[in-house]
């Protein structure tokens, strides 16, 4: 079948509760008590489907260690979740998003799939790939299970699907992941001894704020800054520092003038 037909059958499977999860992934959209909102061609056509899952019976999910993904999702997408929660009249920690990429029998599994998965991860912190029956083969699955995505396959029977593999980690780390040990060594090597912990935490905060701004700029939405983040930006603006980059670069060039290539080897 083609992509449109696969999409219709998969939506029917979600609505009928016909997705069998034998992998113990506890996927929210397979929970019969969850409320599902389905958007076709979601996020400006970037994804075949986007599933919005409401779990109203979750109690302080973001405070439990096993739900760090929920905490990070709220932290990075505060503005969007707040708007949706207002519409749905629920708490923001009851909401999860799942981007879905469909691969019908008419599609080819090629180099575009990893890019599509990464697009889902960068946008929502997770990705789901739904395969038509032709692609549910041992050779294909060996490769697909290596990808950071949950894989769901069509059984070929009515609207029944089954979970083939689960990637249950919600990815919300930034492009630049600071290793505290290496960061500390770098500062010490450059003569910075005091306040290393404070510098490290402030850089992490600045990185997170920058991620929120960039993410929400892509989709023209409000970042939804937290009060502490607004206060941090106020304090950040009071730092008086003039960087004389041109002079320092000129100095570096002059110092390197008489050095030999072998000095760096």
C-alpha atoms as a PDB file:
ATOM      1  CA  UNK A   1       0.000   0.000   0.000  1.00  0.00           C
ATOM      2  CA  UNK A   2       1.049   3.632  -0.383  1.00  0.00           C
ATOM      3  CA  UNK A   3       1.859   6.158   2.338  1.00  0.00           C
ATOM      4  CA  UNK A   4      -1.654   7.605   2.518  1.00  0.00           C
ATOM      5  CA  UNK A   5      -3.164   4.149   3.043  1.00  0.00           C
ATOM      6  CA  UNK A   6      -0.551   3.250   5.663  1.00  0.00           C
ATOM      7  CA  UNK A   7      -1.289   6.527   7.458  1.00  0.00           C
ATOM      8  CA  UNK A   8      -5.035   5.809   7.564  1.00  0.00           C
ATOM      9  CA  UNK A   9      -4.507   2.274   8.888  1.00  0.00           C
ATOM     10  CA  UNK A  10      -2.018   3.428  11.534  1.00  0.00           C
ATOM     11  CA  UNK A  11      -4.383   6.164  12.747  1.00  0.00           C
ATOM     12  CA  UNK A  12      -7.171   3.579  12.911  1.00  0.00           C
ATOM     13  CA  UNK A  13      -4.860   1.293  14.909  1.00  0.00           C
ATOM     14  CA  UNK A  14      -4.139   4.051  17.452  1.00  0.00           C
ATOM     15  CA  UNK A  15      -7.814   4.921  17.831  1.00  0.00           C
ATOM     16  CA  UNK A  16      -8.767   1.236  18.187  1.00  0.00           C
ATOM     17  CA  UNK A  17      -5.940   0.373  20.573  1.00  0.00           C
ATOM     18  CA  UNK A  18      -4.540  -2.225  18.175  1.00  0.00           C
ATOM     19  CA  UNK A  19      -0.837  -1.490  18.653  1.00  0.00           C
ATOM     20  CA  UNK A  20       0.679  -4.416  20.543  1.00  0.00           C
ATOM     21  CA  UNK A  21       3.673  -3.486  22.698  1.00  0.00           C
ATOM     22  CA  UNK A  22       5.477  -6.705  23.582  1.00  0.00           C
ATOM     23  CA  UNK A  23       8.731  -4.848  24.268  1.00  0.00           C
ATOM     24  CA  UNK A  24       7.551  -3.376  27.561  1.00  0.00           C
ATOM     25  CA  UNK A  25       8.177   0.150  26.331  1.00  0.00           C
ATOM     26  CA  UNK A  26       5.116   1.536  28.147  1.00  0.00           C
ATOM     27  CA  UNK A  27       4.541   3.888  25.234  1.00  0.00           C
ATOM     28  CA  UNK A  28       1.921   6.468  26.247  1.00  0.00           C
ATOM     29  CA  UNK A  29      -0.014   6.290  22.973  1.00  0.00           C
ATOM     30  CA  UNK A  30      -0.617   2.546  23.569  1.00  0.00           C
ATOM     31  CA  UNK A  31      -2.178   3.316  26.954  1.00  0.00           C
ATOM     32  CA  UNK A  32      -5.983   2.944  26.687  1.00  0.00           C
ATOM     33  CA  UNK A  33      -6.453   5.708  29.279  1.00  0.00           C
ATOM     34  CA  UNK A  34      -4.473   8.262  27.271  1.00  0.00           C
ATOM     35  CA  UNK A  35      -6.179  10.862  25.091  1.00  0.00           C
ATOM     36  CA  UNK A  36      -4.653  11.095  21.627  1.00  0.00           C
ATOM     37  CA  UNK A  37      -4.591  14.121  19.340  1.00  0.00           C
ATOM     38  CA  UNK A  38      -3.343  13.391  15.807  1.00  0.00           C
ATOM     39  CA  UNK A  39      -2.024  15.984  13.384  1.00  0.00           C
ATOM     40  CA  UNK A  40      -1.358  14.905   9.788  1.00  0.00           C
ATOM     41  CA  UNK A  41       1.606  16.593   8.091  1.00  0.00           C
ATOM     42  CA  UNK A  42       2.428  18.160  11.469  1.00  0.00           C
ATOM     43  CA  UNK A  43       4.807  21.014  12.148  1.00  0.00           C
ATOM     44  CA  UNK A  44       4.534  22.682   8.754  1.00  0.00           C
ATOM     45  CA  UNK A  45       4.647  19.370   6.888  1.00  0.00           C
ATOM     46  CA  UNK A  46       7.949  18.250   8.403  1.00  0.00           C
ATOM     47  CA  UNK A  47       6.457  15.033   9.790  1.00  0.00           C
ATOM     48  CA  UNK A  48       3.955  12.557   8.352  1.00  0.00           C
ATOM     49  CA  UNK A  49       2.134  12.564  11.684  1.00  0.00           C
ATOM     50  CA  UNK A  50       2.535  14.195  15.084  1.00  0.00           C
ATOM     51  CA  UNK A  51       0.847  12.476  18.015  1.00  0.00           C
ATOM     52  CA  UNK A  52      -0.152  14.595  20.978  1.00  0.00           C
ATOM     53  CA  UNK A  53      -0.706  12.389  24.034  1.00  0.00           C
ATOM     54  CA  UNK A  54      -2.573  13.600  27.133  1.00  0.00           C
ATOM     55  CA  UNK A  55      -2.208  11.553  30.308  1.00  0.00           C
ATOM     56  CA  UNK A  56      -4.374  13.414  32.777  1.00  0.00           C
ATOM     57  CA  UNK A  57      -3.861  10.872  35.574  1.00  0.00           C
ATOM     58  CA  UNK A  58      -0.104  11.446  35.783  1.00  0.00           C
ATOM     59  CA  UNK A  59       0.771  12.888  39.190  1.00  0.00           C
ATOM     60  CA  UNK A  60       3.844  15.114  39.357  1.00  0.00           C
ATOM     61  CA  UNK A  61       5.471  13.075  36.586  1.00  0.00           C
ATOM     62  CA  UNK A  62       8.271  15.580  36.179  1.00  0.00           C
ATOM     63  CA  UNK A  63       9.430  14.994  39.761  1.00  0.00           C
ATOM     64  CA  UNK A  64      10.033  11.268  39.318  1.00  0.00           C
ATOM     65  CA  UNK A  65      13.487  10.114  38.250  1.00  0.00           C
ATOM     66  CA  UNK A  66      12.119   7.817  35.529  1.00  0.00           C
ATOM     67  CA  UNK A  67      10.374  10.790  33.936  1.00  0.00           C
ATOM     68  CA  UNK A  68      13.384  13.047  33.360  1.00  0.00           C
ATOM     69  CA  UNK A  69      12.206  13.287  29.753  1.00  0.00           C
ATOM     70  CA  UNK A  70       9.024  15.010  30.936  1.00  0.00           C
ATOM     71  CA  UNK A  71      11.055  17.480  32.997  1.00  0.00           C
ATOM     72  CA  UNK A  72      13.306  18.309  30.044  1.00  0.00           C
ATOM     73  CA  UNK A  73      10.353  18.613  27.693  1.00  0.00           C
ATOM     74  CA  UNK A  74       8.726  21.193  29.973  1.00  0.00           C
ATOM     75  CA  UNK A  75      12.002  23.034  30.388  1.00  0.00           C
ATOM     76  CA  UNK A  76      12.668  23.346  26.651  1.00  0.00           C
ATOM     77  CA  UNK A  77       9.096  23.799  25.355  1.00  0.00           C
ATOM     78  CA  UNK A  78       7.429  25.778  28.124  1.00  0.00           C
ATOM     79  CA  UNK A  79       5.639  28.235  25.832  1.00  0.00           C
ATOM     80  CA  UNK A  80       4.125  25.665  23.498  1.00  0.00           C
ATOM     81  CA  UNK A  81       3.062  23.284  26.262  1.00  0.00           C
ATOM     82  CA  UNK A  82       1.467  26.133  28.203  1.00  0.00           C
ATOM     83  CA  UNK A  83      -0.635  27.166  25.189  1.00  0.00           C
ATOM     84  CA  UNK A  84      -1.778  23.586  24.539  1.00  0.00           C
ATOM     85  CA  UNK A  85      -2.514  22.951  28.218  1.00  0.00           C
ATOM     86  CA  UNK A  86      -4.705  26.056  28.260  1.00  0.00           C
ATOM     87  CA  UNK A  87      -6.669  24.778  25.273  1.00  0.00           C
ATOM     88  CA  UNK A  88      -6.973  21.209  26.571  1.00  0.00           C
ATOM     89  CA  UNK A  89      -7.520  22.328  30.182  1.00  0.00           C
ATOM     90  CA  UNK A  90      -4.813  20.058  31.564  1.00  0.00           C
ATOM     91  CA  UNK A  91      -1.419  20.327  33.237  1.00  0.00           C
ATOM     92  CA  UNK A  92       1.643  20.817  31.088  1.00  0.00           C
ATOM     93  CA  UNK A  93       3.322  17.661  32.476  1.00  0.00           C
ATOM     94  CA  UNK A  94       0.408  15.618  31.090  1.00  0.00           C
ATOM     95  CA  UNK A  95       1.399  16.377  27.480  1.00  0.00           C
ATOM     96  CA  UNK A  96       3.854  14.511  25.248  1.00  0.00           C
ATOM     97  CA  UNK A  97       4.573  14.791  21.524  1.00  0.00           C
ATOM     98  CA  UNK A  98       5.633  11.985  19.176  1.00  0.00           C
ATOM     99  CA  UNK A  99       6.711  12.705  15.580  1.00  0.00           C
ATOM    100  CA  UNK A 100       5.976   9.795  13.244  1.00  0.00           C
ATOM    101  CA  UNK A 101       7.719   8.904   9.988  1.00  0.00           C
ATOM    102  CA  UNK A 102       5.808   6.445   7.770  1.00  0.00           C
ATOM    103  CA  UNK A 103       7.525   4.019   5.381  1.00  0.00           C
ATOM    104  CA  UNK A 104       5.053   2.242   3.118  1.00  0.00           C
ATOM    105  CA  UNK A 105       5.744  -0.625   0.716  1.00  0.00           C
ATOM    106  CA  UNK A 106       6.149   2.003  -2.001  1.00  0.00           C
ATOM    107  CA  UNK A 107       8.957   3.732  -0.095  1.00  0.00           C
ATOM    108  CA  UNK A 108      12.643   2.891  -0.042  1.00  0.00           C
ATOM    109  CA  UNK A 109      14.657   2.753   3.168  1.00  0.00           C
ATOM    110  CA  UNK A 110      17.619   4.934   2.286  1.00  0.00           C
ATOM    111  CA  UNK A 111      19.881   7.662   3.669  1.00  0.00           C
ATOM    112  CA  UNK A 112      16.974  10.043   4.174  1.00  0.00           C
ATOM    113  CA  UNK A 113      15.601   8.043   7.096  1.00  0.00           C
ATOM    114  CA  UNK A 114      18.405   8.881   9.596  1.00  0.00           C
ATOM    115  CA  UNK A 115      17.971  12.564   8.691  1.00  0.00           C
ATOM    116  CA  UNK A 116      14.222  12.333   9.264  1.00  0.00           C
ATOM    117  CA  UNK A 117      14.804  10.635  12.617  1.00  0.00           C
ATOM    118  CA  UNK A 118      17.283  13.331  13.664  1.00  0.00           C
ATOM    119  CA  UNK A 119      14.766  16.000  12.654  1.00  0.00           C
ATOM    120  CA  UNK A 120      12.233  14.425  15.028  1.00  0.00           C
ATOM    121  CA  UNK A 121      14.798  14.236  17.829  1.00  0.00           C
ATOM    122  CA  UNK A 122      15.925  17.842  17.415  1.00  0.00           C
ATOM    123  CA  UNK A 123      12.298  19.008  17.411  1.00  0.00           C
ATOM    124  CA  UNK A 124      10.648  16.757  20.002  1.00  0.00           C
ATOM    125  CA  UNK A 125      13.486  14.813  21.644  1.00  0.00           C
ATOM    126  CA  UNK A 126      12.215  11.503  20.194  1.00  0.00           C
ATOM    127  CA  UNK A 127      11.202   9.794  16.954  1.00  0.00           C
ATOM    128  CA  UNK A 128       8.901   6.977  15.806  1.00  0.00           C
ATOM    129  CA  UNK A 129       9.206   5.074  12.535  1.00  0.00           C
ATOM    130  CA  UNK A 130       6.213   3.069  11.262  1.00  0.00           C
ATOM    131  CA  UNK A 131       7.015   0.352   8.694  1.00  0.00           C
ATOM    132  CA  UNK A 132       4.763  -1.348   6.189  1.00  0.00           C
ATOM    133  CA  UNK A 133       4.829  -5.143   6.036  1.00  0.00           C
ATOM    134  CA  UNK A 134       7.495  -5.337   3.292  1.00  0.00           C
ATOM    135  CA  UNK A 135      10.063  -3.574   5.478  1.00  0.00           C
ATOM    136  CA  UNK A 136       9.448  -5.783   8.537  1.00  0.00           C
ATOM    137  CA  UNK A 137      12.269  -8.162   7.696  1.00  0.00           C
ATOM    138  CA  UNK A 138      15.239  -9.410   9.692  1.00  0.00           C
ATOM    139  CA  UNK A 139      17.810  -7.667   7.505  1.00  0.00           C
ATOM    140  CA  UNK A 140      15.993  -4.321   7.715  1.00  0.00           C
ATOM    141  CA  UNK A 141      15.399  -4.579  11.453  1.00  0.00           C
ATOM    142  CA  UNK A 142      19.068  -5.293  12.188  1.00  0.00           C
ATOM    143  CA  UNK A 143      19.867  -1.880  10.757  1.00  0.00           C
ATOM    144  CA  UNK A 144      16.804  -0.031  12.078  1.00  0.00           C
ATOM    145  CA  UNK A 145      17.308  -1.154  15.678  1.00  0.00           C
ATOM    146  CA  UNK A 146      20.614   0.699  15.685  1.00  0.00           C
ATOM    147  CA  UNK A 147      18.822   4.000  15.080  1.00  0.00           C
ATOM    148  CA  UNK A 148      17.644   6.219  17.967  1.00  0.00           C
ATOM    149  CA  UNK A 149      13.960   5.677  17.214  1.00  0.00           C
ATOM    150  CA  UNK A 150      11.064   3.488  18.287  1.00  0.00           C
ATOM    151  CA  UNK A 151      10.164   1.104  15.434  1.00  0.00           C
ATOM    152  CA  UNK A 152       6.567  -0.038  14.856  1.00  0.00           C
ATOM    153  CA  UNK A 153       5.674  -2.570  12.140  1.00  0.00           C
ATOM    154  CA  UNK A 154       2.470  -3.453  10.338  1.00  0.00           C
ATOM    155  CA  UNK A 155       1.402  -7.084  10.791  1.00  0.00           C
ATOM    156  CA  UNK A 156      -0.530  -7.229   7.503  1.00  0.00           C
ATOM    157  CA  UNK A 157      -3.724  -8.037   9.388  1.00  0.00           C
ATOM    158  CA  UNK A 158      -6.491  -5.417   9.395  1.00  0.00           C
ATOM    159  CA  UNK A 159      -5.231  -2.382  11.380  1.00  0.00           C
ATOM    160  CA  UNK A 160      -2.916  -4.236  13.732  1.00  0.00           C
ATOM    161  CA  UNK A 161       0.640  -3.111  14.423  1.00  0.00           C
ATOM    162  CA  UNK A 162       3.291  -4.255  16.858  1.00  0.00           C
ATOM    163  CA  UNK A 163       6.215  -2.525  18.520  1.00  0.00           C
ATOM    164  CA  UNK A 164       9.436  -4.012  17.143  1.00  0.00           C
ATOM    165  CA  UNK A 165      11.975  -2.027  19.146  1.00  0.00           C
ATOM    166  CA  UNK A 166      11.856   0.789  21.657  1.00  0.00           C
ATOM    167  CA  UNK A 167      14.222   3.698  22.058  1.00  0.00           C
ATOM    168  CA  UNK A 168      12.926   5.042  25.347  1.00  0.00           C
ATOM    169  CA  UNK A 169      15.391   7.836  25.938  1.00  0.00           C
ATOM    170  CA  UNK A 170      14.127  11.389  25.457  1.00  0.00           C
ATOM    171  CA  UNK A 171      17.038  13.336  23.960  1.00  0.00           C
ATOM    172  CA  UNK A 172      17.184  16.926  25.126  1.00  0.00           C
ATOM    173  CA  UNK A 173      20.892  17.569  25.470  1.00  0.00           C
ATOM    174  CA  UNK A 174      22.394  20.429  23.579  1.00  0.00           C
ATOM    175  CA  UNK A 175      24.705  20.409  20.597  1.00  0.00           C
ATOM    176  CA  UNK A 176      27.557  21.341  22.929  1.00  0.00           C
ATOM    177  CA  UNK A 177      27.642  18.947  25.891  1.00  0.00           C
ATOM    178  CA  UNK A 178      30.019  20.268  28.498  1.00  0.00           C
ATOM    179  CA  UNK A 179      32.011  17.652  30.364  1.00  0.00           C
ATOM    180  CA  UNK A 180      32.500  19.153  33.806  1.00  0.00           C
ATOM    181  CA  UNK A 181      35.827  17.372  34.331  1.00  0.00           C
ATOM    182  CA  UNK A 182      37.317  18.598  31.037  1.00  0.00           C
ATOM    183  CA  UNK A 183      35.792  22.035  31.534  1.00  0.00           C
ATOM    184  CA  UNK A 184      37.393  22.318  34.994  1.00  0.00           C
ATOM    185  CA  UNK A 185      40.786  21.251  33.636  1.00  0.00           C
ATOM    186  CA  UNK A 186      40.525  23.806  30.815  1.00  0.00           C
ATOM    187  CA  UNK A 187      39.841  26.642  33.253  1.00  0.00           C
ATOM    188  CA  UNK A 188      42.638  25.565  35.604  1.00  0.00           C
ATOM    189  CA  UNK A 189      45.064  25.358  32.674  1.00  0.00           C
ATOM    190  CA  UNK A 190      44.161  28.962  31.884  1.00  0.00           C
ATOM    191  CA  UNK A 191      44.693  30.212  35.427  1.00  0.00           C
ATOM    192  CA  UNK A 192      41.007  30.357  36.440  1.00  0.00           C
ATOM    193  CA  UNK A 193      40.777  28.792  39.891  1.00  0.00           C
ATOM    194  CA  UNK A 194      37.853  30.417  41.682  1.00  0.00           C
ATOM    195  CA  UNK A 195      34.161  30.053  40.881  1.00  0.00           C
ATOM    196  CA  UNK A 196      34.517  27.127  38.486  1.00  0.00           C
ATOM    197  CA  UNK A 197      31.221  25.513  39.577  1.00  0.00           C
ATOM    198  CA  UNK A 198      29.335  28.791  39.157  1.00  0.00           C
ATOM    199  CA  UNK A 199      30.842  29.383  35.716  1.00  0.00           C
ATOM    200  CA  UNK A 200      29.921  25.852  34.638  1.00  0.00           C
ATOM    201  CA  UNK A 201      26.289  26.159  35.787  1.00  0.00           C
ATOM    202  CA  UNK A 202      25.880  29.587  34.206  1.00  0.00           C
ATOM    203  CA  UNK A 203      27.169  28.344  30.866  1.00  0.00           C
ATOM    204  CA  UNK A 204      24.718  25.432  30.990  1.00  0.00           C
ATOM    205  CA  UNK A 205      21.883  27.848  31.744  1.00  0.00           C
ATOM    206  CA  UNK A 206      22.919  30.130  28.886  1.00  0.00           C
ATOM    207  CA  UNK A 207      23.090  27.153  26.532  1.00  0.00           C
ATOM    208  CA  UNK A 208      19.593  25.998  27.503  1.00  0.00           C
ATOM    209  CA  UNK A 209      18.153  29.487  26.987  1.00  0.00           C
ATOM    210  CA  UNK A 210      19.871  29.700  23.611  1.00  0.00           C
ATOM    211  CA  UNK A 211      18.345  26.336  22.619  1.00  0.00           C
ATOM    212  CA  UNK A 212      14.870  27.537  23.588  1.00  0.00           C
ATOM    213  CA  UNK A 213      15.260  30.724  21.563  1.00  0.00           C
ATOM    214  CA  UNK A 214      16.535  28.896  18.466  1.00  0.00           C
ATOM    215  CA  UNK A 215      13.884  26.145  18.664  1.00  0.00           C
ATOM    216  CA  UNK A 216      10.991  28.553  19.059  1.00  0.00           C
ATOM    217  CA  UNK A 217      12.384  30.889  16.399  1.00  0.00           C
ATOM    218  CA  UNK A 218      12.096  28.006  13.917  1.00  0.00           C
ATOM    219  CA  UNK A 219       8.382  27.695  14.614  1.00  0.00           C
ATOM    220  CA  UNK A 220       7.605  31.341  15.365  1.00  0.00           C
ATOM    221  CA  UNK A 221       6.348  30.644  18.877  1.00  0.00           C
ATOM    222  CA  UNK A 222       6.896  32.078  22.354  1.00  0.00           C
ATOM    223  CA  UNK A 223       9.847  30.469  24.220  1.00  0.00           C
ATOM    224  CA  UNK A 224       7.957  30.735  27.503  1.00  0.00           C
ATOM    225  CA  UNK A 225      10.885  31.773  29.673  1.00  0.00           C
ATOM    226  CA  UNK A 226      10.734  30.752  33.331  1.00  0.00           C
ATOM    227  CA  UNK A 227      11.070  33.486  35.956  1.00  0.00           C
ATOM    228  CA  UNK A 228      14.588  32.364  36.880  1.00  0.00           C
ATOM    229  CA  UNK A 229      15.602  32.472  33.216  1.00  0.00           C
ATOM    230  CA  UNK A 230      14.312  36.040  32.848  1.00  0.00           C
ATOM    231  CA  UNK A 231      16.192  37.054  35.994  1.00  0.00           C
ATOM    232  CA  UNK A 232      19.326  35.338  34.666  1.00  0.00           C
ATOM    233  CA  UNK A 233      19.115  37.325  31.419  1.00  0.00           C
ATOM    234  CA  UNK A 234      18.678  40.568  33.398  1.00  0.00           C
ATOM    235  CA  UNK A 235      21.831  39.778  35.389  1.00  0.00           C
ATOM    236  CA  UNK A 236      23.663  38.697  32.248  1.00  0.00           C
ATOM    237  CA  UNK A 237      22.971  42.078  30.638  1.00  0.00           C
ATOM    238  CA  UNK A 238      24.706  43.910  33.507  1.00  0.00           C
ATOM    239  CA  UNK A 239      28.090  42.274  32.840  1.00  0.00           C
ATOM    240  CA  UNK A 240      30.498  44.931  31.629  1.00  0.00           C
ATOM    241  CA  UNK A 241      32.991  43.385  29.315  1.00  0.00           C
ATOM    242  CA  UNK A 242      34.588  44.709  26.144  1.00  0.00           C
ATOM    243  CA  UNK A 243      36.242  42.048  24.023  1.00  0.00           C
ATOM    244  CA  UNK A 244      39.172  43.448  22.009  1.00  0.00           C
ATOM    245  CA  UNK A 245      39.209  40.572  19.566  1.00  0.00           C
ATOM    246  CA  UNK A 246      41.078  42.346  16.760  1.00  0.00           C
ATOM    247  CA  UNK A 247      43.990  43.337  19.005  1.00  0.00           C
ATOM    248  CA  UNK A 248      44.196  39.909  20.599  1.00  0.00           C
ATOM    249  CA  UNK A 249      44.111  38.122  17.233  1.00  0.00           C
ATOM    250  CA  UNK A 250      46.805  40.446  15.887  1.00  0.00           C
ATOM    251  CA  UNK A 251      48.889  39.615  18.962  1.00  0.00           C
ATOM    252  CA  UNK A 252      48.399  35.873  18.396  1.00  0.00           C
ATOM    253  CA  UNK A 253      49.509  36.242  14.781  1.00  0.00           C
ATOM    254  CA  UNK A 254      52.611  38.168  15.822  1.00  0.00           C
ATOM    255  CA  UNK A 255      53.533  35.585  18.478  1.00  0.00           C
ATOM    256  CA  UNK A 256      53.211  32.774  15.962  1.00  0.00           C
ATOM    257  CA  UNK A 257      55.345  34.467  13.309  1.00  0.00           C
ATOM    258  CA  UNK A 258      58.614  32.791  14.279  1.00  0.00           C
ATOM    259  CA  UNK A 259      57.272  29.445  15.447  1.00  0.00           C
ATOM    260  CA  UNK A 260      58.024  26.339  13.421  1.00  0.00           C
ATOM    261  CA  UNK A 261      55.487  23.773  12.305  1.00  0.00           C
ATOM    262  CA  UNK A 262      57.351  21.163  14.357  1.00  0.00           C
ATOM    263  CA  UNK A 263      56.616  23.112  17.540  1.00  0.00           C
ATOM    264  CA  UNK A 264      53.035  21.814  17.330  1.00  0.00           C
ATOM    265  CA  UNK A 265      53.887  18.200  16.622  1.00  0.00           C
END
